[in-house]
Amino acid sequence: MIAAASMVGAAGAPKFSFGQSTNGKTFIKIFMRGGADGLHLTPPVGDMQYYNHRPNIAIEAPLSSDSNTAIDLGSTYRALNPNLEPLMEIWDAGRLMIAPATAISDGNRSHFDNQRWIGTGARNNLIDGYLNRYMQTVTGPEHPLRGAVLGKTSISTEQRGQIVVPAVRDAGSFELENFNLCAGSGCADNQLTDLMREISSHEVDQPALEGDLRDNQLVMIDSIAEVQGAAANYQTDAGGLEYSGSSLGRGLRMAAQLLKAGVPMETAALDFNIGWDTHSNQIPGFGSPNPFTDQNFGYHRNMRRGANDLLTFYRDMGTGMDDVVVLVCTEFGRTVHENGTTGTDHGHASTWFAFGGPTSGGFAPDVSSIANDQLLSGRFLPHATEFRDVVGEIMVNHMGMSQNLISTVFPGHNFTNHGLFRRGNV
């Protein structure tokens, strides 16, 4: 299915991205919606306060003889959740960056607010998302898939805006949706589809909308051709790994297909959703012999499946990963203290991670302690890295955007470059 989102321009028609091709780089943003627990993804096993705060759900420090413990990252402080083990191939190659205490600095603990503010890049009611604003700011290729949402049909906030961006669920079936012409939950009243039928049957009674509809129709038609062409007879080249059928797996497979087919896709938005809102039962019942790796437990199984999809994409792209940065993020972390139902509630900072392109392997700035007096309100992990700095550095060091344009993409933000994307001469 394909959906196309646009905002109307000054003359009433949507703006498309026209210009010369840039440097052939791609930025893929993956959102773990629900508030992923960063202290579970990258547990601070070197801090005894971690075990005091989480007597039931803390993952034990790495022990090579026990696969139910955390994975050693060569740090005295942080380790990796054992269900994310597939990412170790990228880490060992020096291409995985982990940002264990990252957040939108002026956010709150509402899923909807934080997802929207991260998507727009500012705590306000901006309509355009930061990826769309990037494409408006930097001249790019004249192509209907310069920006895309992959693996689902809802338009991610990051990609909403003046430039038309299609959302593609899969390569097999297509449906058009325009944000301006939707009503009802999930676009239950898809006025665009009805109007397109009227246009195609020459029964248009709203001529003022005809240009808008035809422009979106063009994006859909061209996108369908590109997606179907790239998917035809495609064979994953990932050393025996294959993408899952999840929204993340579908999206990454399509990204690989399009990029390897030469489609000049600069920005893409995907989701990695497994039920990250872990208010209760963050581990299986106490009867499980492997409470942190039990693959019969959906949270663990789906976490590993997502990590496997990421590794599949990394392998599948081969040397093409030099031109692609993948950033995995979430709207906030969880409370440092577990609650009474072996879960965690909405918090502040969490773990983000990135790989590919000029990503420098290792850690971004982190906290040094999670003792109560170091926490926000005695409960929440403070941030050591502001998310706009991570994204801004990707746009500058990878995409080639001038640093003086960061204030356009992220209005009012005072940018700090942490040197997270300076690997080699890529």
Protein backbone atom coordinates (compact mmCIF):
# COMPACT_ATOMS: atom_id res chain seq x y z
CA MET A 1 0.00 0.00 0.00
CA ILE A 2 1.15 3.54 -0.71
CA ALA A 3 -0.07 6.73 0.92
CA ALA A 4 1.10 10.22 -0.01
CA ALA A 5 1.16 13.13 2.42
CA SER A 6 1.57 16.77 1.47
CA MET A 7 0.88 20.26 2.72
CA VAL A 8 -0.44 22.85 0.30
CA GLY A 9 1.91 25.54 -0.95
CA ALA A 10 1.18 29.23 -1.34
CA ALA A 11 -0.70 28.72 -4.56
CA GLY A 12 -2.81 25.91 -3.15
CA ALA A 13 -0.88 22.99 -4.66
CA PRO A 14 1.60 20.79 -2.81
CA LYS A 15 5.29 21.51 -3.14
CA PHE A 16 7.45 18.83 -4.69
CA SER A 17 11.21 18.45 -4.39
CA PHE A 18 12.93 19.53 -7.59
CA GLY A 19 16.61 20.24 -8.13
CA GLN A 20 19.94 18.61 -8.76
CA SER A 21 20.99 15.34 -7.15
CA THR A 22 23.09 15.79 -4.03
CA ASN A 23 25.80 13.45 -2.77
CA GLY A 24 23.87 10.17 -2.90
CA LYS A 25 23.59 9.78 0.88
CA THR A 26 20.61 8.38 2.79
CA PHE A 27 19.34 8.94 6.33
CA ILE A 28 16.99 6.25 7.69
CA LYS A 29 15.21 7.06 10.95
CA ILE A 30 13.64 4.18 12.90
CA PHE A 31 11.27 4.93 15.79
CA MET A 32 10.73 2.56 18.74
CA ARG A 33 7.28 3.93 19.61
CA GLY A 34 6.08 3.44 23.16
CA GLY A 35 9.09 4.61 25.15
CA ALA A 36 11.82 1.95 25.02
CA ASP A 37 13.62 1.28 28.30
CA GLY A 38 17.21 2.34 27.68
CA LEU A 39 18.37 0.82 30.97
CA HIS A 40 17.10 -2.52 29.66
CA LEU A 41 18.60 -2.12 26.16
CA THR A 42 22.02 -1.08 27.48
CA PRO A 43 22.05 -1.93 31.20
CA PRO A 44 24.55 -0.02 33.40
CA VAL A 45 25.94 -3.22 34.89
CA GLY A 46 28.90 -1.33 36.37
CA ASP A 47 26.66 0.63 38.71
CA MET A 48 25.41 -1.25 41.79
CA GLN A 49 22.57 1.26 42.06
CA TYR A 50 21.10 -0.40 38.95
CA TYR A 51 20.54 -3.61 40.91
CA ASN A 52 19.23 -1.72 43.94
CA HIS A 53 16.70 0.15 41.79
CA ARG A 54 15.64 -2.95 39.86
CA PRO A 55 15.84 -6.00 42.14
CA ASN A 56 13.71 -8.15 39.81
CA ILE A 57 14.30 -6.92 36.26
CA ALA A 58 17.98 -5.91 36.27
CA ILE A 59 20.05 -7.95 33.81
CA GLU A 60 23.08 -9.62 35.32
CA ALA A 61 26.57 -8.46 34.36
CA PRO A 62 28.23 -10.27 31.41
CA LEU A 63 29.27 -13.85 32.05
CA SER A 64 30.65 -15.66 29.02
CA SER A 65 29.34 -19.01 30.21
CA ASP A 66 25.75 -17.72 30.63
CA SER A 67 23.81 -16.43 27.60
CA ASN A 68 21.10 -15.11 29.93
CA THR A 69 23.39 -12.30 31.09
CA ALA A 70 24.19 -8.98 29.41
CA ILE A 71 26.70 -8.86 26.55
CA ASP A 72 30.11 -7.33 27.15
CA LEU A 73 30.71 -4.11 25.18
CA GLY A 74 34.19 -3.55 26.56
CA SER A 75 32.88 -0.90 28.94
CA THR A 76 33.11 -0.95 32.72
CA TYR A 77 29.69 0.72 32.88
CA ARG A 78 27.40 -0.31 30.01
CA ALA A 79 26.55 -3.68 28.47
CA LEU A 80 24.04 -4.88 25.87
CA ASN A 81 20.72 -6.67 26.29
CA PRO A 82 21.27 -10.31 25.24
CA ASN A 83 18.28 -10.17 22.89
CA LEU A 84 20.14 -7.56 20.83
CA GLU A 85 23.03 -9.95 20.22
CA PRO A 86 22.78 -9.67 16.39
CA LEU A 87 23.95 -6.04 16.71
CA MET A 88 27.31 -7.27 18.03
CA GLU A 89 28.49 -7.94 14.48
CA ILE A 90 28.07 -4.21 13.74
CA TRP A 91 29.61 -3.22 17.09
CA ASP A 92 32.62 -5.46 16.56
CA ALA A 93 33.12 -3.89 13.14
CA GLY A 94 33.40 -0.50 14.87
CA ARG A 95 30.31 0.85 13.12
CA LEU A 96 27.69 0.95 15.89
CA MET A 97 27.29 4.10 18.01
CA ILE A 98 25.30 3.80 21.24
CA ALA A 99 23.88 6.94 22.86
CA PRO A 100 22.66 5.59 26.22
CA ALA A 101 21.27 8.82 27.72
CA THR A 102 19.54 10.65 24.88
CA ALA A 103 16.32 12.67 24.94
CA ILE A 104 14.51 15.74 23.73
CA SER A 105 15.71 18.04 26.49
CA ASP A 106 12.46 19.99 26.82
CA GLY A 107 10.09 17.06 26.49
CA ASN A 108 7.62 15.58 28.95
CA ARG A 109 6.27 12.10 29.68
CA SER A 110 3.42 12.02 27.16
CA HIS A 111 3.82 9.59 24.25
CA PHE A 112 1.87 11.85 21.93
CA ASP A 113 3.62 15.10 22.85
CA ASN A 114 7.13 13.69 22.71
CA GLN A 115 6.60 11.79 19.47
CA ARG A 116 5.19 14.95 17.90
CA TRP A 117 7.90 17.26 19.27
CA ILE A 118 10.68 14.89 18.23
CA GLY A 119 9.06 14.57 14.81
CA THR A 120 8.80 18.31 14.28
CA GLY A 121 12.14 18.98 15.97
CA ALA A 122 10.77 21.58 18.37
CA ARG A 123 8.33 21.82 21.26
CA ASN A 124 5.70 23.76 19.37
CA ASN A 125 2.94 23.25 16.82
CA LEU A 126 5.09 23.21 13.70
CA ILE A 127 3.39 21.35 10.89
CA ASP A 128 6.47 20.27 8.99
CA GLY A 129 8.60 17.40 10.31
CA TYR A 130 12.36 17.77 10.52
CA LEU A 131 13.08 15.33 7.67
CA ASN A 132 10.65 17.18 5.42
CA ARG A 133 12.16 20.49 6.49
CA TYR A 134 15.60 19.14 5.62
CA MET A 135 14.38 18.29 2.11
CA GLN A 136 12.87 21.77 1.75
CA THR A 137 16.14 23.34 2.87
CA VAL A 138 18.66 21.32 0.84
CA THR A 139 18.38 20.92 -2.92
CA GLY A 140 17.88 17.29 -3.80
CA PRO A 141 16.95 14.92 -6.61
CA GLU A 142 13.76 15.32 -8.62
CA HIS A 143 12.19 12.05 -7.61
CA PRO A 144 8.89 10.92 -6.01
CA LEU A 145 10.82 8.75 -3.53
CA ARG A 146 13.37 11.32 -2.40
CA GLY A 147 11.67 10.89 0.97
CA ALA A 148 9.55 7.92 2.02
CA VAL A 149 7.83 6.18 4.90
CA LEU A 150 8.43 2.45 4.59
CA GLY A 151 6.70 -0.57 6.08
CA LYS A 152 3.46 1.20 7.01
CA THR A 153 0.85 3.53 5.49
CA SER A 154 0.57 6.19 8.19
CA ILE A 155 2.77 9.22 7.55
CA SER A 156 5.43 9.67 10.24
CA THR A 157 5.55 13.16 11.74
CA GLU A 158 9.18 13.58 10.64
CA GLN A 159 8.12 13.28 6.99
CA ARG A 160 5.00 15.44 7.01
CA GLY A 161 5.27 18.78 5.28
CA GLN A 162 5.36 20.75 2.06
CA ILE A 163 7.22 18.11 0.08
CA VAL A 164 5.04 15.18 -0.94
CA VAL A 165 6.24 11.96 0.72
CA PRO A 166 4.68 8.57 -0.04
CA ALA A 167 4.16 5.93 2.63
CA VAL A 168 4.65 2.41 1.33
CA ARG A 169 3.53 -0.59 3.37
CA ASP A 170 4.75 -3.25 0.97
CA ALA A 171 5.55 -3.82 -2.67
CA GLY A 172 2.42 -5.79 -3.46
CA SER A 173 -0.62 -3.55 -3.02
CA PHE A 174 -1.20 0.17 -3.03
CA GLU A 175 -3.65 2.67 -1.64
CA LEU A 176 -3.50 6.45 -1.73
CA GLU A 177 -4.12 8.70 1.25
CA ASN A 178 -3.69 12.48 1.58
CA PHE A 179 -3.39 13.96 5.07
CA ASN A 180 -5.42 17.01 4.02
CA LEU A 181 -8.32 14.91 2.81
CA CYS A 182 -8.65 12.42 5.67
CA ALA A 183 -11.27 12.28 8.37
CA GLY A 184 -12.00 9.77 11.08
CA SER A 185 -9.65 7.50 12.97
CA GLY A 186 -7.00 6.08 10.66
CA CYS A 187 -8.45 8.00 7.71
CA ALA A 188 -11.68 6.01 7.92
CA ASP A 189 -13.29 8.66 5.68
CA ASN A 190 -10.76 8.76 2.84
CA GLN A 191 -12.13 11.68 0.83
CA LEU A 192 -9.11 11.55 -1.48
CA THR A 193 -9.96 8.08 -2.74
CA ASP A 194 -13.54 9.14 -3.46
CA LEU A 195 -12.42 12.30 -5.25
CA MET A 196 -9.90 10.39 -7.36
CA ARG A 197 -12.65 8.05 -8.45
CA GLU A 198 -14.72 11.07 -9.46
CA ILE A 199 -11.80 12.53 -11.42
CA SER A 200 -11.09 9.28 -13.23
CA SER A 201 -14.76 8.99 -14.14
CA HIS A 202 -14.91 12.68 -15.20
CA GLU A 203 -17.46 13.47 -12.51
CA VAL A 204 -15.41 16.05 -10.59
CA ASP A 205 -17.55 18.56 -8.71
CA GLN A 206 -14.63 20.11 -6.77
CA PRO A 207 -12.35 21.52 -9.51
CA ALA A 208 -10.33 23.58 -7.02
CA LEU A 209 -8.89 20.34 -5.63
CA GLU A 210 -8.17 18.71 -8.97
CA GLY A 211 -4.57 19.98 -9.24
CA ASP A 212 -3.76 18.80 -5.73
CA LEU A 213 -5.20 15.38 -6.45
CA ARG A 214 -3.41 15.00 -9.77
CA ASP A 215 -0.05 15.92 -8.19
CA ASN A 216 -0.53 13.28 -5.51
CA GLN A 217 -1.69 10.84 -8.15
CA LEU A 218 1.57 11.42 -10.03
CA VAL A 219 3.62 10.67 -6.91
CA MET A 220 1.66 7.49 -6.32
CA ILE A 221 1.94 6.26 -9.90
CA ASP A 222 5.67 6.96 -10.10
CA SER A 223 6.27 5.47 -6.65
CA ILE A 224 4.40 2.30 -7.50
CA ALA A 225 6.53 1.81 -10.60
CA GLU A 226 9.77 2.33 -8.65
CA VAL A 227 8.78 0.07 -5.74
CA GLN A 228 7.54 -2.75 -7.95
CA GLY A 229 10.56 -2.52 -10.22
CA ALA A 230 13.00 -2.63 -7.30
CA ALA A 231 11.18 -5.56 -5.68
CA ALA A 232 11.00 -7.69 -8.82
CA ASN A 233 13.05 -10.88 -8.37
CA TYR A 234 14.93 -9.32 -5.45
CA GLN A 235 17.19 -11.67 -3.51
CA THR A 236 18.44 -10.67 -0.07
CA ASP A 237 22.23 -10.90 0.12
CA ALA A 238 22.79 -11.24 3.86
CA GLY A 239 24.72 -14.46 4.41
CA GLY A 240 21.63 -16.58 4.97
CA LEU A 241 19.66 -14.02 6.98
CA GLU A 242 16.27 -12.84 5.75
CA TYR A 243 14.01 -9.94 6.71
CA SER A 244 11.02 -10.65 8.92
CA GLY A 245 7.46 -9.83 7.94
CA SER A 246 7.16 -7.13 10.61
CA SER A 247 6.76 -3.47 9.70
CA LEU A 248 10.47 -2.99 10.41
CA GLY A 249 11.47 -5.97 8.32
CA ARG A 250 9.25 -4.88 5.42
CA GLY A 251 10.55 -1.33 5.61
CA LEU A 252 14.22 -2.30 5.71
CA ARG A 253 13.78 -4.76 2.85
CA MET A 254 12.17 -2.05 0.71
CA ALA A 255 14.91 0.41 1.65
CA ALA A 256 17.56 -2.07 0.49
CA GLN A 257 15.63 -2.81 -2.70
CA LEU A 258 15.22 0.84 -3.60
CA LEU A 259 18.77 1.90 -2.75
CA LYS A 260 20.37 -1.04 -4.55
CA ALA A 261 18.17 -0.25 -7.56
CA GLY A 262 19.66 3.25 -7.65
CA VAL A 263 16.61 5.15 -6.39
CA PRO A 264 17.91 8.48 -4.95
CA MET A 265 16.09 8.13 -1.63
CA GLU A 266 17.58 10.63 0.83
CA THR A 267 15.31 10.23 3.86
CA ALA A 268 13.18 7.36 5.10
CA ALA A 269 11.11 6.83 8.25
CA LEU A 270 10.35 3.38 9.67
CA ASP A 271 8.94 1.97 12.91
CA PHE A 272 10.28 -0.75 15.23
CA ASN A 273 7.28 -1.51 17.42
CA ILE A 274 7.21 -4.47 19.82
CA GLY A 275 5.29 -3.11 22.82
CA TRP A 276 7.93 -0.84 24.31
CA ASP A 277 5.45 0.67 26.81
CA THR A 278 6.46 -1.78 29.54
CA HIS A 279 4.40 -0.69 32.55
CA SER A 280 4.20 -4.30 33.72
CA ASN A 281 5.67 -7.74 33.12
CA GLN A 282 8.89 -6.56 31.50
CA ILE A 283 10.26 -10.07 32.00
CA PRO A 284 8.41 -13.40 31.97
CA GLY A 285 7.09 -14.96 35.13
CA PHE A 286 9.46 -16.11 37.82
CA GLY A 287 9.15 -19.70 36.63
CA SER A 288 11.15 -19.01 33.47
CA PRO A 289 14.67 -20.48 33.60
CA ASN A 290 15.91 -17.69 31.30
CA PRO A 291 14.05 -14.55 32.36
CA PHE A 292 16.05 -12.23 30.11
CA THR A 293 16.30 -14.34 26.94
CA ASP A 294 13.20 -16.57 26.96
CA GLN A 295 12.10 -16.56 23.30
CA ASN A 296 8.62 -17.71 24.27
CA PHE A 297 8.21 -14.25 25.79
CA GLY A 298 7.04 -11.87 23.06
CA TYR A 299 9.00 -8.83 24.24
CA HIS A 300 12.28 -10.75 24.03
CA ARG A 301 11.41 -12.57 20.83
CA ASN A 302 10.36 -9.42 19.01
CA MET A 303 13.39 -7.49 20.27
CA ARG A 304 15.69 -10.12 18.81
CA ARG A 305 13.69 -10.23 15.59
CA GLY A 306 14.17 -6.47 15.19
CA ALA A 307 17.89 -6.73 15.89
CA ASN A 308 18.09 -9.50 13.31
CA ASP A 309 16.31 -7.27 10.76
CA LEU A 310 18.85 -4.50 11.39
CA LEU A 311 21.76 -6.90 10.92
CA THR A 312 20.11 -8.29 7.78
CA PHE A 313 19.95 -4.78 6.32
CA TYR A 314 23.56 -4.07 7.33
CA ARG A 315 24.76 -7.22 5.56
CA ASP A 316 22.39 -6.84 2.61
CA MET A 317 23.64 -3.34 1.82
CA GLY A 318 27.29 -4.42 1.89
CA THR A 319 29.57 -1.56 0.90
CA GLY A 320 26.43 0.49 0.26
CA MET A 321 26.29 1.04 4.04
CA ASP A 322 29.00 3.67 3.49
CA ASP A 323 26.25 5.86 2.04
CA VAL A 324 23.54 5.09 4.60
CA VAL A 325 23.12 6.06 8.26
CA VAL A 326 20.44 4.28 10.28
CA LEU A 327 19.32 5.99 13.51
CA VAL A 328 17.12 4.07 15.97
CA CYS A 329 15.32 6.25 18.51
CA THR A 330 12.43 6.45 20.98
CA GLU A 331 10.32 9.22 22.53
CA PHE A 332 11.55 8.73 26.11
CA GLY A 333 12.99 6.11 28.43
CA ARG A 334 11.52 4.52 31.54
CA THR A 335 11.76 5.15 35.25
CA VAL A 336 15.05 4.08 36.79
CA HIS A 337 13.17 2.29 39.61
CA GLU A 338 11.04 -0.71 38.66
CA ASN A 339 7.41 -0.52 39.74
CA GLY A 340 5.33 -3.01 41.69
CA THR A 341 4.36 -5.06 38.64
CA THR A 342 7.89 -5.84 37.40
CA GLY A 343 7.64 -3.03 34.89
CA THR A 344 8.76 0.56 34.42
CA ASP A 345 6.83 3.76 33.87
CA HIS A 346 7.39 6.78 31.61
CA GLY A 347 10.76 8.44 32.11
CA HIS A 348 13.16 10.80 30.35
CA ALA A 349 16.42 9.76 28.65
CA SER A 350 16.85 6.45 26.85
CA THR A 351 19.20 4.59 24.55
CA TRP A 352 19.42 5.62 20.90
CA PHE A 353 21.84 4.00 18.49
CA ALA A 354 23.12 4.46 14.95
CA PHE A 355 25.22 2.63 12.38
CA GLY A 356 26.50 3.05 8.85
CA GLY A 357 28.07 5.91 6.91
CA PRO A 358 30.58 7.89 8.97
CA THR A 359 29.25 6.58 12.30
CA SER A 360 32.05 6.43 14.85
CA GLY A 361 31.74 3.21 16.82
CA GLY A 362 31.48 3.49 20.58
CA PHE A 363 29.49 5.52 23.05
CA ALA A 364 27.98 8.99 23.00
CA PRO A 365 28.06 11.07 26.21
CA ASP A 366 26.52 9.15 29.11
CA VAL A 367 25.67 9.63 32.77
CA SER A 368 28.25 8.45 35.31
CA SER A 369 25.83 7.31 38.00
CA ILE A 370 22.17 6.50 38.53
CA ALA A 371 22.24 7.12 42.27
CA ASN A 372 19.02 8.78 43.44
CA ASP A 373 20.66 12.17 43.88
CA GLN A 374 21.77 12.09 40.23
CA LEU A 375 18.29 11.45 38.83
CA LEU A 376 15.64 13.91 37.70
CA SER A 377 13.02 14.12 40.45
CA GLY A 378 14.73 11.10 42.00
CA ARG A 379 13.16 8.84 39.33
CA PHE A 380 14.22 9.65 35.78
CA LEU A 381 17.47 9.16 33.90
CA PRO A 382 18.79 12.61 32.90
CA HIS A 383 19.97 13.16 29.36
CA ALA A 384 23.63 13.54 28.47
CA THR A 385 22.94 13.91 24.73
CA GLU A 386 20.25 16.07 23.11
CA PHE A 387 18.61 14.27 20.18
CA ARG A 388 18.79 17.32 17.91
CA ASP A 389 22.58 17.21 18.18
CA VAL A 390 22.62 13.59 17.00
CA VAL A 391 20.31 14.28 14.05
CA GLY A 392 22.04 17.56 13.23
CA GLU A 393 25.41 15.85 13.09
CA ILE A 394 24.04 13.18 10.73
CA MET A 395 22.72 15.90 8.43
CA VAL A 396 26.02 17.80 8.48
CA ASN A 397 28.65 15.03 8.58
CA HIS A 398 26.79 12.45 6.52
CA MET A 399 24.24 14.20 4.33
CA GLY A 400 26.55 17.16 3.63
CA MET A 401 24.20 19.89 4.83
CA SER A 402 25.83 23.17 5.83
CA GLN A 403 25.99 23.49 9.62
CA ASN A 404 24.49 26.97 9.45
CA LEU A 405 21.24 25.37 8.23
CA ILE A 406 20.70 23.42 11.45
CA SER A 407 18.82 26.39 12.88
CA THR A 408 16.40 26.09 9.94
CA VAL A 409 15.82 22.38 10.44
CA PHE A 410 15.71 22.75 14.24
CA PRO A 411 14.46 26.27 14.99
CA GLY A 412 15.95 27.76 18.14
CA HIS A 413 18.35 24.89 18.81
CA ASN A 414 21.94 25.64 19.86
CA PHE A 415 23.85 22.82 18.13
CA THR A 416 26.66 20.85 19.77
CA ASN A 417 28.77 18.53 17.61
CA HIS A 418 29.85 15.51 19.68
CA GLY A 419 31.93 13.91 16.93
CA LEU A 420 29.69 10.84 16.71
CA PHE A 421 29.83 10.64 12.91
CA ARG A 422 33.46 11.10 11.90
CA ARG A 423 34.55 7.61 10.98
CA GLY A 424 37.47 7.45 8.54
CA ASN A 425 37.10 9.30 5.27
CA VAL A 426 33.67 7.88 4.39
